[in-house]
Amino acid sequence: MSEAGVAAPVPLPEPSEAGPQASPRRPLTRREMVTALAAGGAALVVTNAGTALVSGRISTAIANRRAQVKIDDLQAKVARLEKQLALYEDMERIGLDKLIRAILEAYDRFWPPVRATAGLLLGAVRTTEDALSHFELKLPTMRSTTRMLADLLTGMEAQIQSAQDTLNGLLQRTGPIGEAVRGFITWLLNRNPFGITDTVREAADRLSALVAGFPLLISDVRKRLLGPLDEEWLPSTAGLGLQGILFDPLRSGLLTPLRTHLEEIDNAARNWERDSAPIRAALAERERLRAEIAQLEQEERYAEAGGRPHG
């Protein structure tokens, strides 16, 4: 073999340079043919072995590079997980679960008295609304009574005026109803053949004073009672009277919004257990997961302690 590790070819007899008269080439013997084939096979085996060696080294390098890439990725993932774990531990140290539990406990103590107070206020609101409804139903009757009283006073005034005109005509004089009555009674008493006692005259004077007070009474009733009732308390015009100034604003501006608000508070208090159930369940689940994490950490510490060499 040469220095390159390849077998030298077997020399074959060269043709003679004698020209056409040279003797023909001698055929190879069986030994020569076997020797030539063996030398070529050895060269092929050596070439294939080198190629396999180089290919193996390249494959090993590629596999090592891929393994190193995976190791780098795993180390990066481990670093990220360690950072996430540290952040999680920092977040746990904030104590958010304790704050939420404290809020839940505060609301558990808060809602029962609030619901009781809301119930009392709702009862008062409903009582007030019922009272308003009762008086609202009475307003038409009160207006009717006021009109009837006004008509009655008008009729009394007409009768008093008629009596005044009649008496003044009889006595041929002019004057208010009280003077007309007094004059008429005096006229009658002066014509009494049996005489007049002081008691009769006193009764006549009292009757005259009573009749004289009717016009003033009617005027005062109109001015101090019917006037305020018609103009301030019982008018049917929108925005006026008890209905427009008191009842409607009280109902729409206070009672209805207050009742709605109190009903919402009562519903919130009544549904507190149901509405807070998901929060309580989430806290319980977090507590369970925290216990599992603590168990895993404890097992890891035991494993590390068992794996250390004894000094």
Protein backbone atom coordinates (compact mmCIF):
# COMPACT_ATOMS: atom_id res chain seq x y z
CA MET A 1 0.00 0.00 0.00
CA SER A 2 1.04 3.60 -0.62
CA GLU A 3 1.35 6.20 2.17
CA ALA A 4 -2.20 7.25 1.47
CA GLY A 5 -3.33 3.87 2.68
CA VAL A 6 -4.49 2.74 -0.75
CA ALA A 7 -3.21 -0.50 -2.31
CA ALA A 8 -1.02 -0.05 -5.41
CA PRO A 9 -2.49 -1.49 -8.55
CA VAL A 10 -1.05 -4.76 -9.71
CA PRO A 11 1.27 -4.17 -12.70
CA LEU A 12 0.14 -5.79 -15.86
CA PRO A 13 2.43 -6.83 -18.64
CA GLU A 14 2.93 -3.93 -21.03
CA PRO A 15 2.64 -4.57 -24.71
CA SER A 16 5.93 -4.66 -26.53
CA GLU A 17 7.00 -1.74 -28.63
CA ALA A 18 8.08 -4.05 -31.43
CA GLY A 19 5.08 -3.17 -33.48
CA PRO A 20 2.78 -5.46 -35.27
CA GLN A 21 5.12 -8.31 -35.08
CA ALA A 22 5.07 -8.43 -31.29
CA SER A 23 3.57 -11.45 -29.70
CA PRO A 24 -0.06 -11.11 -28.34
CA ARG A 25 -0.69 -10.17 -24.61
CA ARG A 26 -0.49 -13.05 -22.24
CA PRO A 27 -3.74 -13.82 -20.36
CA LEU A 28 -3.73 -13.30 -16.55
CA THR A 29 -3.36 -16.28 -14.44
CA ARG A 30 -5.83 -17.13 -11.78
CA ARG A 31 -3.40 -16.08 -9.02
CA GLU A 32 -2.80 -12.71 -10.63
CA MET A 33 -6.52 -12.09 -10.97
CA VAL A 34 -7.23 -12.95 -7.30
CA THR A 35 -4.34 -10.72 -6.19
CA ALA A 36 -5.70 -7.78 -8.19
CA LEU A 37 -9.23 -8.19 -6.83
CA ALA A 38 -7.99 -8.42 -3.23
CA ALA A 39 -5.96 -5.24 -3.60
CA GLY A 40 -9.02 -3.29 -4.94
CA GLY A 41 -11.32 -4.60 -2.16
CA ALA A 42 -8.91 -3.59 0.54
CA ALA A 43 -8.74 -0.08 -0.88
CA LEU A 44 -12.58 0.09 -0.93
CA VAL A 45 -12.82 -1.09 2.68
CA VAL A 46 -10.31 1.52 3.84
CA THR A 47 -12.19 4.28 1.99
CA ASN A 48 -15.57 3.25 3.47
CA ALA A 49 -14.14 3.09 6.98
CA GLY A 50 -12.82 6.66 6.71
CA THR A 51 -16.09 7.91 5.42
CA ALA A 52 -18.00 6.19 8.27
CA LEU A 53 -15.61 7.68 10.81
CA VAL A 54 -16.07 11.22 9.50
CA SER A 55 -19.84 10.77 9.29
CA GLY A 56 -19.96 9.50 12.87
CA ARG A 57 -17.98 12.47 14.10
CA ILE A 58 -20.29 14.91 12.26
CA SER A 59 -23.41 13.17 13.63
CA THR A 60 -22.00 13.28 17.14
CA ALA A 61 -21.23 16.99 16.82
CA ILE A 62 -24.74 17.70 15.56
CA ALA A 63 -26.30 15.65 18.36
CA ASN A 64 -24.11 17.40 20.94
CA ARG A 65 -25.11 20.80 19.57
CA ARG A 66 -28.79 19.89 19.66
CA ALA A 67 -28.44 18.58 23.21
CA GLN A 68 -26.69 21.81 24.23
CA VAL A 69 -29.54 23.86 22.69
CA LYS A 70 -32.07 21.83 24.65
CA ILE A 71 -30.02 22.26 27.82
CA ASP A 72 -29.88 26.02 27.26
CA ASP A 73 -33.65 26.11 26.69
CA LEU A 74 -34.28 24.08 29.83
CA GLN A 75 -31.98 26.31 31.85
CA ALA A 76 -33.81 29.40 30.54
CA LYS A 77 -37.15 27.83 31.43
CA VAL A 78 -35.88 26.92 34.88
CA ALA A 79 -34.69 30.50 35.37
CA ARG A 80 -38.08 31.83 34.30
CA LEU A 81 -39.89 29.40 36.58
CA GLU A 82 -37.66 30.37 39.50
CA LYS A 83 -38.39 34.05 38.80
CA GLN A 84 -42.12 33.35 38.56
CA LEU A 85 -41.97 31.38 41.79
CA ALA A 86 -40.20 34.27 43.52
CA LEU A 87 -42.82 36.71 42.24
CA TYR A 88 -45.58 34.34 43.37
CA GLU A 89 -44.05 34.16 46.84
CA ASP A 90 -43.78 37.96 46.93
CA MET A 91 -47.43 38.21 45.87
CA GLU A 92 -48.46 35.76 48.59
CA ARG A 93 -46.67 37.85 51.18
CA ILE A 94 -49.02 40.75 50.37
CA GLY A 95 -51.79 38.86 52.17
CA LEU A 96 -54.62 39.60 49.73
CA ASP A 97 -56.58 36.55 50.86
CA LYS A 98 -56.54 37.79 54.45
CA LEU A 99 -57.82 41.17 53.36
CA ILE A 100 -60.64 39.56 51.38
CA ARG A 101 -61.58 37.35 54.32
CA ALA A 102 -61.57 40.38 56.60
CA ILE A 103 -63.89 42.19 54.19
CA LEU A 104 -66.20 39.18 54.02
CA GLU A 105 -66.32 38.95 57.80
CA ALA A 106 -67.01 42.69 58.06
CA TYR A 107 -69.90 42.38 55.61
CA ASP A 108 -71.17 39.33 57.45
CA ARG A 109 -71.45 41.50 60.56
CA PHE A 110 -72.67 44.54 58.62
CA TRP A 111 -75.62 43.17 56.66
CA PRO A 112 -77.90 41.80 59.44
CA PRO A 113 -78.38 45.14 61.28
CA VAL A 114 -78.56 46.99 57.98
CA ARG A 115 -81.26 44.65 56.76
CA ALA A 116 -83.19 45.09 60.01
CA THR A 117 -82.96 48.88 59.76
CA ALA A 118 -83.93 48.80 56.10
CA GLY A 119 -86.94 46.69 57.00
CA LEU A 120 -88.07 49.19 59.63
CA LEU A 121 -87.63 52.11 57.24
CA LEU A 122 -89.48 50.24 54.52
CA GLY A 123 -92.37 49.72 56.90
CA ALA A 124 -92.40 53.43 57.75
CA VAL A 125 -92.28 54.37 54.07
CA ARG A 126 -95.17 52.07 53.25
CA THR A 127 -97.18 53.48 56.18
CA THR A 128 -96.55 57.01 54.95
CA GLU A 129 -97.50 56.07 51.41
CA ASP A 130 -100.71 54.50 52.67
CA ALA A 131 -101.51 57.66 54.64
CA LEU A 132 -100.88 59.82 51.58
CA SER A 133 -103.09 57.58 49.49
CA HIS A 134 -105.80 57.80 52.15
CA PHE A 135 -105.75 61.61 52.17
CA GLU A 136 -105.44 61.79 48.40
CA LEU A 137 -108.69 59.85 48.19
CA LYS A 138 -110.26 62.36 50.60
CA LEU A 139 -109.22 65.43 48.62
CA PRO A 140 -112.16 65.27 46.16
CA THR A 141 -114.59 64.94 49.10
CA MET A 142 -112.97 67.91 50.83
CA ARG A 143 -113.22 69.97 47.66
CA SER A 144 -116.87 69.02 47.33
CA THR A 145 -117.53 69.95 50.97
CA THR A 146 -115.81 73.28 50.49
CA ARG A 147 -117.93 74.07 47.46
CA MET A 148 -121.07 73.02 49.34
CA LEU A 149 -120.15 75.30 52.28
CA ALA A 150 -119.49 78.17 49.91
CA ASP A 151 -122.88 77.65 48.26
CA LEU A 152 -124.53 77.51 51.72
CA LEU A 153 -122.92 80.80 52.71
CA THR A 154 -124.00 82.34 49.46
CA GLY A 155 -127.57 81.20 50.15
CA MET A 156 -127.43 82.62 53.68
CA GLU A 157 -126.17 85.91 52.38
CA ALA A 158 -129.02 86.03 49.90
CA GLN A 159 -131.59 85.30 52.62
CA ILE A 160 -130.08 87.87 54.97
CA GLN A 161 -130.07 90.45 52.23
CA SER A 162 -133.66 89.63 51.38
CA ALA A 163 -134.72 89.91 55.06
CA GLN A 164 -132.80 93.16 55.38
CA ASP A 165 -134.50 94.65 52.34
CA THR A 166 -137.95 93.55 53.58
CA LEU A 167 -137.50 94.96 57.08
CA ASN A 168 -136.02 98.20 55.82
CA GLY A 169 -138.95 98.51 53.43
CA LEU A 170 -141.40 97.88 56.23
CA LEU A 171 -139.74 100.40 58.50
CA GLN A 172 -139.03 102.78 55.62
CA ARG A 173 -135.39 103.08 56.47
CA THR A 174 -132.00 101.78 55.38
CA GLY A 175 -129.48 100.00 57.50
CA PRO A 176 -127.68 96.74 58.08
CA ILE A 177 -129.53 93.61 59.02
CA GLY A 178 -128.87 94.01 62.73
CA GLU A 179 -130.38 97.47 62.85
CA ALA A 180 -133.26 96.35 60.68
CA VAL A 181 -134.09 93.47 63.01
CA ARG A 182 -133.74 95.63 66.10
CA GLY A 183 -135.98 98.25 64.58
CA PHE A 184 -138.58 95.68 63.58
CA ILE A 185 -138.62 94.10 67.06
CA THR A 186 -138.90 97.53 68.67
CA TRP A 187 -141.73 98.35 66.32
CA LEU A 188 -143.51 95.15 67.37
CA LEU A 189 -142.93 95.67 71.08
CA ASN A 190 -144.22 99.22 70.97
CA ARG A 191 -147.48 97.89 69.60
CA ASN A 192 -147.88 95.20 72.28
CA PRO A 193 -150.97 96.04 74.43
CA PHE A 194 -149.79 93.98 77.38
CA GLY A 195 -146.62 95.95 78.06
CA ILE A 196 -143.01 94.97 77.68
CA THR A 197 -140.85 93.57 80.38
CA ASP A 198 -137.11 94.07 80.66
CA THR A 199 -136.57 90.39 79.95
CA VAL A 200 -138.36 90.66 76.61
CA ARG A 201 -136.33 93.71 75.67
CA GLU A 202 -133.09 91.92 76.63
CA ALA A 203 -134.07 88.93 74.50
CA ALA A 204 -134.87 91.23 71.61
CA ASP A 205 -131.49 92.92 71.91
CA ARG A 206 -129.66 89.56 71.98
CA LEU A 207 -131.58 88.38 68.91
CA SER A 208 -130.73 91.57 67.10
CA ALA A 209 -127.01 91.19 68.00
CA LEU A 210 -127.06 87.57 66.84
CA VAL A 211 -128.55 88.45 63.51
CA ALA A 212 -126.17 91.36 63.16
CA GLY A 213 -123.23 88.98 63.52
CA PHE A 214 -124.24 86.77 60.59
CA PRO A 215 -122.70 88.93 57.84
CA LEU A 216 -119.42 89.20 59.76
CA LEU A 217 -119.44 85.43 60.37
CA ILE A 218 -120.01 84.69 56.69
CA SER A 219 -117.25 87.12 55.72
CA ASP A 220 -114.78 85.55 58.16
CA VAL A 221 -115.64 82.01 57.02
CA ARG A 222 -115.04 83.00 53.40
CA LYS A 223 -111.83 84.88 54.15
CA ARG A 224 -110.21 82.64 56.76
CA LEU A 225 -111.53 79.19 55.77
CA LEU A 226 -112.89 78.90 52.25
CA GLY A 227 -110.31 81.23 50.73
CA PRO A 228 -107.25 79.32 52.00
CA LEU A 229 -108.91 75.99 51.27
CA ASP A 230 -109.71 76.96 47.68
CA GLU A 231 -106.46 78.79 46.96
CA GLU A 232 -103.78 77.00 49.02
CA TRP A 233 -104.96 73.61 50.25
CA LEU A 234 -107.46 72.08 47.85
CA PRO A 235 -106.98 73.52 44.36
CA SER A 236 -107.03 70.92 41.61
CA THR A 237 -104.54 72.81 39.44
CA ALA A 238 -101.31 70.88 38.83
CA GLY A 239 -98.48 71.94 41.10
CA LEU A 240 -100.73 73.68 43.63
CA GLY A 241 -102.35 72.75 46.92
CA LEU A 242 -101.69 69.73 49.06
CA GLN A 243 -101.58 67.48 46.00
CA GLY A 244 -99.13 69.53 43.97
CA ILE A 245 -96.95 71.04 46.70
CA LEU A 246 -96.86 68.27 49.31
CA PHE A 247 -98.23 64.91 48.24
CA ASP A 248 -96.74 64.58 44.74
CA PRO A 249 -93.23 65.88 45.64
CA LEU A 250 -93.19 63.83 48.82
CA ARG A 251 -94.11 60.69 46.93
CA SER A 252 -91.98 61.16 43.81
CA GLY A 253 -89.03 63.00 45.36
CA LEU A 254 -88.64 61.11 48.64
CA LEU A 255 -90.83 58.11 49.32
CA THR A 256 -90.56 56.30 45.98
CA PRO A 257 -86.74 56.71 45.64
CA LEU A 258 -86.27 55.87 49.31
CA ARG A 259 -88.44 52.76 49.03
CA THR A 260 -86.54 51.65 45.90
CA HIS A 261 -83.19 52.21 47.62
CA LEU A 262 -84.25 50.39 50.76
CA GLU A 263 -85.58 47.47 48.72
CA GLU A 264 -82.23 47.25 46.92
CA ILE A 265 -80.42 47.25 50.27
CA ASP A 266 -82.77 44.58 51.56
CA ASN A 267 -82.21 42.46 48.44
CA ALA A 268 -78.44 42.90 48.72
CA ALA A 269 -78.53 41.86 52.38
CA ARG A 270 -80.80 38.91 51.62
CA ASN A 271 -78.59 37.73 48.70
CA TRP A 272 -75.26 38.35 50.42
CA GLU A 273 -74.62 34.69 51.19
CA ARG A 274 -75.43 33.68 47.63
CA ASP A 275 -73.39 36.47 46.03
CA SER A 276 -70.36 35.91 48.26
CA ALA A 277 -70.35 32.13 47.76
CA PRO A 278 -68.07 32.25 44.64
CA ILE A 279 -65.55 34.39 46.55
CA ARG A 280 -65.57 32.01 49.49
CA ALA A 281 -65.18 29.04 47.14
CA ALA A 282 -62.24 30.73 45.36
CA LEU A 283 -60.53 31.43 48.68
CA ALA A 284 -61.06 27.81 49.76
CA GLU A 285 -59.60 26.57 46.46
CA ARG A 286 -56.60 28.87 46.82
CA GLU A 287 -56.07 27.56 50.33
CA ARG A 288 -56.19 23.98 49.04
CA LEU A 289 -53.65 24.74 46.30
CA ARG A 290 -51.44 26.56 48.79
CA ALA A 291 -51.50 23.47 51.01
CA GLU A 292 -50.47 21.28 48.05
CA ILE A 293 -47.59 23.64 47.22
CA ALA A 294 -46.45 23.57 50.84
CA GLN A 295 -46.57 19.76 50.78
CA LEU A 296 -44.43 19.64 47.62
CA GLU A 297 -41.91 22.06 49.13
CA GLN A 298 -41.73 19.96 52.28
CA GLU A 299 -41.16 16.77 50.24
CA GLU A 300 -38.42 18.57 48.28
CA ARG A 301 -36.68 19.63 51.51
CA TYR A 302 -36.85 16.06 52.82
CA ALA A 303 -35.40 14.77 49.56
CA GLU A 304 -32.56 17.27 49.64
CA ALA A 305 -31.85 16.50 53.27
CA GLY A 306 -31.75 12.76 52.52
CA GLY A 307 -29.49 13.23 49.51
CA ARG A 308 -26.76 15.15 51.32
CA PRO A 309 -23.63 13.17 52.30
CA HIS A 310 -23.18 12.73 55.99
CA GLY A 311 -20.18 14.58 57.41
